[in-house]
Amino acid sequence: EVHADGEIWSRALLDIRTALGRRVADRVI
């Protein structure tokens, strides 16, 4: 189910943003 499964992907993106900061993470993503 796309919304439930999307939580997996979204958590990874949140962790990337936390590790790299908004500016770098958002540009990469």
PDB file of all heavy atoms in Angstrom:
ATOM      1  N   GLU A   1       0.878  -1.173   0.000  1.00  0.00           N
ATOM      2  CA  GLU A   1       0.000   0.000   0.000  1.00  0.00           C
ATOM      3  C   GLU A   1       0.917   1.226   0.000  1.00  0.00           C
ATOM      4  O   GLU A   1       1.787   1.355   0.861  1.00  0.00           O
ATOM      5  CB  GLU A   1      -0.914  -0.015   1.226  1.00  0.00           C
ATOM      6  CG  GLU A   1      -2.119   0.907   1.134  1.00  0.00           C
ATOM      7  CD  GLU A   1      -1.787   2.363   1.427  1.00  0.00           C
ATOM      8  OE1 GLU A   1      -0.999   2.624   2.349  1.00  0.00           O
ATOM      9  OE2 GLU A   1      -2.324   3.236   0.716  1.00  0.00           O
ATOM     10  N   VAL A   2       0.749   2.106  -0.989  1.00  0.00           N
ATOM     11  CA  VAL A   2       1.723   3.171  -1.216  1.00  0.00           C
ATOM     12  C   VAL A   2       1.926   4.087  -0.014  1.00  0.00           C
ATOM     13  O   VAL A   2       3.056   4.513   0.249  1.00  0.00           O
ATOM     14  CB  VAL A   2       1.389   4.006  -2.469  1.00  0.00           C
ATOM     15  CG1 VAL A   2       1.458   3.153  -3.714  1.00  0.00           C
ATOM     16  CG2 VAL A   2       0.044   4.689  -2.358  1.00  0.00           C
ATOM     17  N   HIS A   3       0.870   4.399   0.709  1.00  0.00           N
ATOM     18  CA  HIS A   3       1.026   5.306   1.843  1.00  0.00           C
ATOM     19  C   HIS A   3       1.775   4.635   2.990  1.00  0.00           C
ATOM     20  O   HIS A   3       2.682   5.224   3.590  1.00  0.00           O
ATOM     21  CB  HIS A   3      -0.338   5.824   2.306  1.00  0.00           C
ATOM     22  CG  HIS A   3      -1.034   6.616   1.254  1.00  0.00           C
ATOM     23  ND1 HIS A   3      -2.036   6.080   0.488  1.00  0.00           N
ATOM     24  CD2 HIS A   3      -0.841   7.868   0.804  1.00  0.00           C
ATOM     25  CE1 HIS A   3      -2.449   6.993  -0.374  1.00  0.00           C
ATOM     26  NE2 HIS A   3      -1.732   8.085  -0.209  1.00  0.00           N
ATOM     27  N   ALA A   4       1.425   3.410   3.280  1.00  0.00           N
ATOM     28  CA  ALA A   4       2.102   2.671   4.351  1.00  0.00           C
ATOM     29  C   ALA A   4       3.560   2.398   3.971  1.00  0.00           C
ATOM     30  O   ALA A   4       4.472   2.608   4.774  1.00  0.00           O
ATOM     31  CB  ALA A   4       1.374   1.368   4.640  1.00  0.00           C
ATOM     32  N   ASP A   5       3.776   1.951   2.751  1.00  0.00           N
ATOM     33  CA  ASP A   5       5.134   1.658   2.309  1.00  0.00           C
ATOM     34  C   ASP A   5       5.958   2.938   2.169  1.00  0.00           C
ATOM     35  O   ASP A   5       7.175   2.933   2.365  1.00  0.00           O
ATOM     36  CB  ASP A   5       5.120   0.887   0.995  1.00  0.00           C
ATOM     37  CG  ASP A   5       4.532  -0.507   1.139  1.00  0.00           C
ATOM     38  OD1 ASP A   5       4.299  -0.951   2.284  1.00  0.00           O
ATOM     39  OD2 ASP A   5       4.302  -1.148   0.101  1.00  0.00           O
ATOM     40  N   GLY A   6       5.298   4.023   1.841  1.00  0.00           N
ATOM     41  CA  GLY A   6       5.987   5.307   1.725  1.00  0.00           C
ATOM     42  C   GLY A   6       6.595   5.777   3.031  1.00  0.00           C
ATOM     43  O   GLY A   6       7.541   6.576   3.031  1.00  0.00           O
ATOM     44  N   GLU A   7       6.080   5.296   4.147  1.00  0.00           N
ATOM     45  CA  GLU A   7       6.647   5.667   5.443  1.00  0.00           C
ATOM     46  C   GLU A   7       8.082   5.149   5.582  1.00  0.00           C
ATOM     47  O   GLU A   7       8.904   5.757   6.266  1.00  0.00           O
ATOM     48  CB  GLU A   7       5.779   5.131   6.574  1.00  0.00           C
ATOM     49  CG  GLU A   7       4.418   5.809   6.641  1.00  0.00           C
ATOM     50  CD  GLU A   7       3.503   5.193   7.688  1.00  0.00           C
ATOM     51  OE1 GLU A   7       3.977   4.431   8.545  1.00  0.00           O
ATOM     52  OE2 GLU A   7       2.298   5.498   7.627  1.00  0.00           O
ATOM     53  N   ILE A   8       8.395   4.044   4.923  1.00  0.00           N
ATOM     54  CA  ILE A   8       9.749   3.491   4.945  1.00  0.00           C
ATOM     55  C   ILE A   8      10.690   4.451   4.218  1.00  0.00           C
ATOM     56  O   ILE A   8      11.738   4.839   4.739  1.00  0.00           O
ATOM     57  CB  ILE A   8       9.785   2.094   4.294  1.00  0.00           C
ATOM     58  CG1 ILE A   8       8.847   1.140   5.030  1.00  0.00           C
ATOM     59  CG2 ILE A   8      11.218   1.556   4.246  1.00  0.00           C
ATOM     60  CD1 ILE A   8       8.491  -0.103   4.234  1.00  0.00           C
ATOM     61  N   TRP A   9      10.306   4.836   3.024  1.00  0.00           N
ATOM     62  CA  TRP A   9      11.098   5.753   2.222  1.00  0.00           C
ATOM     63  C   TRP A   9      11.212   7.113   2.923  1.00  0.00           C
ATOM     64  O   TRP A   9      12.306   7.689   2.996  1.00  0.00           O
ATOM     65  CB  TRP A   9      10.468   5.910   0.839  1.00  0.00           C
ATOM     66  CG  TRP A   9      11.267   6.767  -0.077  1.00  0.00           C
ATOM     67  CD1 TRP A   9      11.021   8.070  -0.395  1.00  0.00           C
ATOM     68  CD2 TRP A   9      12.446   6.401  -0.785  1.00  0.00           C
ATOM     69  NE1 TRP A   9      11.978   8.533  -1.263  1.00  0.00           N
ATOM     70  CE2 TRP A   9      12.861   7.523  -1.510  1.00  0.00           C
ATOM     71  CE3 TRP A   9      13.190   5.220  -0.870  1.00  0.00           C
ATOM     72  CZ2 TRP A   9      13.993   7.514  -2.323  1.00  0.00           C
ATOM     73  CZ3 TRP A   9      14.314   5.218  -1.673  1.00  0.00           C
ATOM     74  CH2 TRP A   9      14.707   6.356  -2.386  1.00  0.00           C
ATOM     75  N   SER A  10      10.102   7.594   3.432  1.00  0.00           N
ATOM     76  CA  SER A  10      10.098   8.904   4.081  1.00  0.00           C
ATOM     77  C   SER A  10      10.998   8.935   5.304  1.00  0.00           C
ATOM     78  O   SER A  10      11.650   9.945   5.569  1.00  0.00           O
ATOM     79  CB  SER A  10       8.675   9.298   4.464  1.00  0.00           C
ATOM     80  OG  SER A  10       7.885   9.442   3.308  1.00  0.00           O
ATOM     81  N   ARG A  11      11.049   7.846   6.057  1.00  0.00           N
ATOM     82  CA  ARG A  11      11.947   7.791   7.213  1.00  0.00           C
ATOM     83  C   ARG A  11      13.400   7.887   6.768  1.00  0.00           C
ATOM     84  O   ARG A  11      14.209   8.588   7.383  1.00  0.00           O
ATOM     85  CB  ARG A  11      11.710   6.521   8.024  1.00  0.00           C
ATOM     86  CG  ARG A  11      12.737   6.279   9.137  1.00  0.00           C
ATOM     87  CD  ARG A  11      12.722   7.416  10.179  1.00  0.00           C
ATOM     88  NE  ARG A  11      13.826   7.294  11.098  1.00  0.00           N
ATOM     89  CZ  ARG A  11      13.783   6.656  12.268  1.00  0.00           C
ATOM     90  NH1 ARG A  11      12.668   6.068  12.658  1.00  0.00           N
ATOM     91  NH2 ARG A  11      14.837   6.605  13.041  1.00  0.00           N
ATOM     92  N   ALA A  12      13.737   7.215   5.679  1.00  0.00           N
ATOM     93  CA  ALA A  12      15.107   7.314   5.162  1.00  0.00           C
ATOM     94  C   ALA A  12      15.423   8.755   4.769  1.00  0.00           C
ATOM     95  O   ALA A  12      16.495   9.272   5.089  1.00  0.00           O
ATOM     96  CB  ALA A  12      15.303   6.367   3.983  1.00  0.00           C
ATOM     97  N   LEU A  13      14.482   9.426   4.117  1.00  0.00           N
ATOM     98  CA  LEU A  13      14.706  10.814   3.727  1.00  0.00           C
ATOM     99  C   LEU A  13      14.831  11.721   4.944  1.00  0.00           C
ATOM    100  O   LEU A  13      15.661  12.643   4.956  1.00  0.00           O
ATOM    101  CB  LEU A  13      13.590  11.298   2.800  1.00  0.00           C
ATOM    102  CG  LEU A  13      13.427  10.564   1.478  1.00  0.00           C
ATOM    103  CD1 LEU A  13      12.349  11.239   0.630  1.00  0.00           C
ATOM    104  CD2 LEU A  13      14.727  10.451   0.720  1.00  0.00           C
ATOM    105  N   LEU A  14      14.028  11.472   5.975  1.00  0.00           N
ATOM    106  CA  LEU A  14      14.142  12.242   7.214  1.00  0.00           C
ATOM    107  C   LEU A  14      15.526  12.046   7.826  1.00  0.00           C
ATOM    108  O   LEU A  14      16.163  13.006   8.278  1.00  0.00           O
ATOM    109  CB  LEU A  14      13.050  11.830   8.197  1.00  0.00           C
ATOM    110  CG  LEU A  14      13.093  12.491   9.580  1.00  0.00           C
ATOM    111  CD1 LEU A  14      12.862  13.989   9.476  1.00  0.00           C
ATOM    112  CD2 LEU A  14      12.054  11.855  10.498  1.00  0.00           C
ATOM    113  N   ASP A  15      16.005  10.819   7.825  1.00  0.00           N
ATOM    114  CA  ASP A  15      17.331  10.538   8.382  1.00  0.00           C
ATOM    115  C   ASP A  15      18.432  11.204   7.558  1.00  0.00           C
ATOM    116  O   ASP A  15      19.421  11.698   8.121  1.00  0.00           O
ATOM    117  CB  ASP A  15      17.561   9.033   8.475  1.00  0.00           C
ATOM    118  CG  ASP A  15      16.688   8.370   9.535  1.00  0.00           C
ATOM    119  OD1 ASP A  15      16.115   9.091  10.380  1.00  0.00           O
ATOM    120  OD2 ASP A  15      16.577   7.135   9.503  1.00  0.00           O
ATOM    121  N   ILE A  16      18.271  11.249   6.254  1.00  0.00           N
ATOM    122  CA  ILE A  16      19.237  11.940   5.396  1.00  0.00           C
ATOM    123  C   ILE A  16      19.249  13.425   5.739  1.00  0.00           C
ATOM    124  O   ILE A  16      20.306  14.045   5.898  1.00  0.00           O
ATOM    125  CB  ILE A  16      18.911  11.710   3.904  1.00  0.00           C
ATOM    126  CG1 ILE A  16      19.162  10.253   3.526  1.00  0.00           C
ATOM    127  CG2 ILE A  16      19.707  12.657   3.010  1.00  0.00           C
ATOM    128  CD1 ILE A  16      18.579   9.849   2.177  1.00  0.00           C
ATOM    129  N   ARG A  17      18.081  13.987   5.886  1.00  0.00           N
ATOM    130  CA  ARG A  17      17.965  15.421   6.212  1.00  0.00           C
ATOM    131  C   ARG A  17      18.569  15.725   7.578  1.00  0.00           C
ATOM    132  O   ARG A  17      19.220  16.745   7.766  1.00  0.00           O
ATOM    133  CB  ARG A  17      16.491  15.811   6.173  1.00  0.00           C
ATOM    134  CG  ARG A  17      16.267  17.240   5.784  1.00  0.00           C
ATOM    135  CD  ARG A  17      14.792  17.436   5.452  1.00  0.00           C
ATOM    136  NE  ARG A  17      14.609  18.692   4.787  1.00  0.00           N
ATOM    137  CZ  ARG A  17      13.974  19.720   5.328  1.00  0.00           C
ATOM    138  NH1 ARG A  17      13.461  19.640   6.534  1.00  0.00           N
ATOM    139  NH2 ARG A  17      13.861  20.841   4.655  1.00  0.00           N
ATOM    140  N   THR A  18      18.357  14.827   8.522  1.00  0.00           N
ATOM    141  CA  THR A  18      18.921  15.006   9.859  1.00  0.00           C
ATOM    142  C   THR A  18      20.450  14.926   9.807  1.00  0.00           C
ATOM    143  O   THR A  18      21.147  15.713  10.449  1.00  0.00           O
ATOM    144  CB  THR A  18      18.359  13.939  10.821  1.00  0.00           C
ATOM    145  OG1 THR A  18      16.934  14.091  10.878  1.00  0.00           O
ATOM    146  CG2 THR A  18      18.933  14.083  12.211  1.00  0.00           C
ATOM    147  N   ALA A  19      20.969  13.994   9.021  1.00  0.00           N
ATOM    148  CA  ALA A  19      22.421  13.797   8.934  1.00  0.00           C
ATOM    149  C   ALA A  19      23.122  14.919   8.176  1.00  0.00           C
ATOM    150  O   ALA A  19      24.223  15.333   8.558  1.00  0.00           O
ATOM    151  CB  ALA A  19      22.726  12.453   8.265  1.00  0.00           C
ATOM    152  N   LEU A  20      22.491  15.417   7.129  1.00  0.00           N
ATOM    153  CA  LEU A  20      23.168  16.351   6.228  1.00  0.00           C
ATOM    154  C   LEU A  20      22.718  17.797   6.348  1.00  0.00           C
ATOM    155  O   LEU A  20      23.370  18.684   5.799  1.00  0.00           O
ATOM    156  CB  LEU A  20      22.967  15.902   4.770  1.00  0.00           C
ATOM    157  CG  LEU A  20      23.472  14.516   4.412  1.00  0.00           C
ATOM    158  CD1 LEU A  20      23.123  14.191   2.973  1.00  0.00           C
ATOM    159  CD2 LEU A  20      24.969  14.413   4.654  1.00  0.00           C
ATOM    160  N   GLY A  21      21.599  18.020   7.010  1.00  0.00           N
ATOM    161  CA  GLY A  21      21.032  19.363   7.041  1.00  0.00           C
ATOM    162  C   GLY A  21      20.094  19.577   5.868  1.00  0.00           C
ATOM    163  O   GLY A  21      20.164  18.878   4.856  1.00  0.00           O
ATOM    164  N   ARG A  22      19.220  20.552   6.028  1.00  0.00           N
ATOM    165  CA  ARG A  22      18.180  20.791   5.025  1.00  0.00           C
ATOM    166  C   ARG A  22      18.728  21.099   3.642  1.00  0.00           C
ATOM    167  O   ARG A  22      18.286  20.538   2.645  1.00  0.00           O
ATOM    168  CB  ARG A  22      17.272  21.945   5.449  1.00  0.00           C
ATOM    169  CG  ARG A  22      16.414  21.648   6.623  1.00  0.00           C
ATOM    170  CD  ARG A  22      15.521  22.799   6.941  1.00  0.00           C
ATOM    171  NE  ARG A  22      16.335  24.009   7.146  1.00  0.00           N
ATOM    172  CZ  ARG A  22      15.894  25.122   7.680  1.00  0.00           C
ATOM    173  NH1 ARG A  22      14.643  25.219   8.055  1.00  0.00           N
ATOM    174  NH2 ARG A  22      16.681  26.163   7.849  1.00  0.00           N
ATOM    175  N   ARG A  23      19.654  22.017   3.578  1.00  0.00           N
ATOM    176  CA  ARG A  23      20.124  22.510   2.276  1.00  0.00           C
ATOM    177  C   ARG A  23      20.737  21.388   1.417  1.00  0.00           C
ATOM    178  O   ARG A  23      20.338  21.186   0.273  1.00  0.00           O
ATOM    179  CB  ARG A  23      21.114  23.633   2.484  1.00  0.00           C
ATOM    180  CG  ARG A  23      21.577  24.285   1.210  1.00  0.00           C
ATOM    181  CD  ARG A  23      22.518  25.448   1.543  1.00  0.00           C
ATOM    182  NE  ARG A  23      23.067  26.051   0.355  1.00  0.00           N
ATOM    183  CZ  ARG A  23      22.533  27.083  -0.278  1.00  0.00           C
ATOM    184  NH1 ARG A  23      21.415  27.615   0.164  1.00  0.00           N
ATOM    185  NH2 ARG A  23      23.110  27.578  -1.344  1.00  0.00           N
ATOM    186  N   VAL A  24      21.688  20.674   1.964  1.00  0.00           N
ATOM    187  CA  VAL A  24      22.358  19.611   1.204  1.00  0.00           C
ATOM    188  C   VAL A  24      21.384  18.472   0.928  1.00  0.00           C
ATOM    189  O   VAL A  24      21.277  17.990  -0.208  1.00  0.00           O
ATOM    190  CB  VAL A  24      23.615  19.113   1.950  1.00  0.00           C
ATOM    191  CG1 VAL A  24      24.181  17.863   1.283  1.00  0.00           C
ATOM    192  CG2 VAL A  24      24.665  20.216   2.002  1.00  0.00           C
ATOM    193  N   ALA A  25      20.671  18.025   1.950  1.00  0.00           N
ATOM    194  CA  ALA A  25      19.746  16.901   1.772  1.00  0.00           C
ATOM    195  C   ALA A  25      18.671  17.214   0.745  1.00  0.00           C
ATOM    196  O   ALA A  25      18.403  16.386  -0.144  1.00  0.00           O
ATOM    197  CB  ALA A  25      19.109  16.535   3.110  1.00  0.00           C
ATOM    198  N   ASP A  26      18.060  18.361   0.849  1.00  0.00           N
ATOM    199  CA  ASP A  26      16.988  18.703  -0.094  1.00  0.00           C
ATOM    200  C   ASP A  26      17.499  18.761  -1.522  1.00  0.00           C
ATOM    201  O   ASP A  26      16.829  18.302  -2.454  1.00  0.00           O
ATOM    202  CB  ASP A  26      16.330  20.024   0.283  1.00  0.00           C
ATOM    203  CG  ASP A  26      15.493  19.930   1.550  1.00  0.00           C
ATOM    204  OD1 ASP A  26      15.327  18.824   2.093  1.00  0.00           O
ATOM    205  OD2 ASP A  26      15.016  20.994   2.017  1.00  0.00           O
ATOM    206  N   ARG A  27      18.702  19.281  -1.722  1.00  0.00           N
ATOM    207  CA  ARG A  27      19.262  19.339  -3.071  1.00  0.00           C
ATOM    208  C   ARG A  27      19.508  17.934  -3.620  1.00  0.00           C
ATOM    209  O   ARG A  27      19.202  17.647  -4.773  1.00  0.00           O
ATOM    210  CB  ARG A  27      20.553  20.141  -3.064  1.00  0.00           C
ATOM    211  CG  ARG A  27      20.298  21.623  -2.930  1.00  0.00           C
ATOM    212  CD  ARG A  27      21.581  22.393  -2.918  1.00  0.00           C
ATOM    213  NE  ARG A  27      21.299  23.827  -2.925  1.00  0.00           N
ATOM    214  CZ  ARG A  27      22.208  24.753  -3.072  1.00  0.00           C
ATOM    215  NH1 ARG A  27      23.472  24.418  -3.232  1.00  0.00           N
ATOM    216  NH2 ARG A  27      21.869  26.018  -3.061  1.00  0.00           N
ATOM    217  N   VAL A  28      20.066  17.071  -2.803  1.00  0.00           N
ATOM    218  CA  VAL A  28      20.317  15.694  -3.244  1.00  0.00           C
ATOM    219  C   VAL A  28      18.998  14.992  -3.554  1.00  0.00           C
ATOM    220  O   VAL A  28      18.836  14.380  -4.619  1.00  0.00           O
ATOM    221  CB  VAL A  28      21.114  14.908  -2.182  1.00  0.00           C
ATOM    222  CG1 VAL A  28      21.131  13.418  -2.499  1.00  0.00           C
ATOM    223  CG2 VAL A  28      22.534  15.456  -2.066  1.00  0.00           C
ATOM    224  N   ILE A  29      18.060  15.076  -2.639  1.00  0.00           N
ATOM    225  CA  ILE A  29      16.792  14.361  -2.779  1.00  0.00           C
ATOM    226  C   ILE A  29      16.019  14.838  -4.010  1.00  0.00           C
ATOM    227  O   ILE A  29      15.525  14.025  -4.802  1.00  0.00           O
ATOM    228  CB  ILE A  29      15.953  14.501  -1.490  1.00  0.00           C
ATOM    229  CG1 ILE A  29      16.625  13.722  -0.355  1.00  0.00           C
ATOM    230  CG2 ILE A  29      14.518  14.050  -1.710  1.00  0.00           C
ATOM    231  CD1 ILE A  29      16.133  14.091   1.041  1.00  0.00           C
TER     232      ILE A  29
END
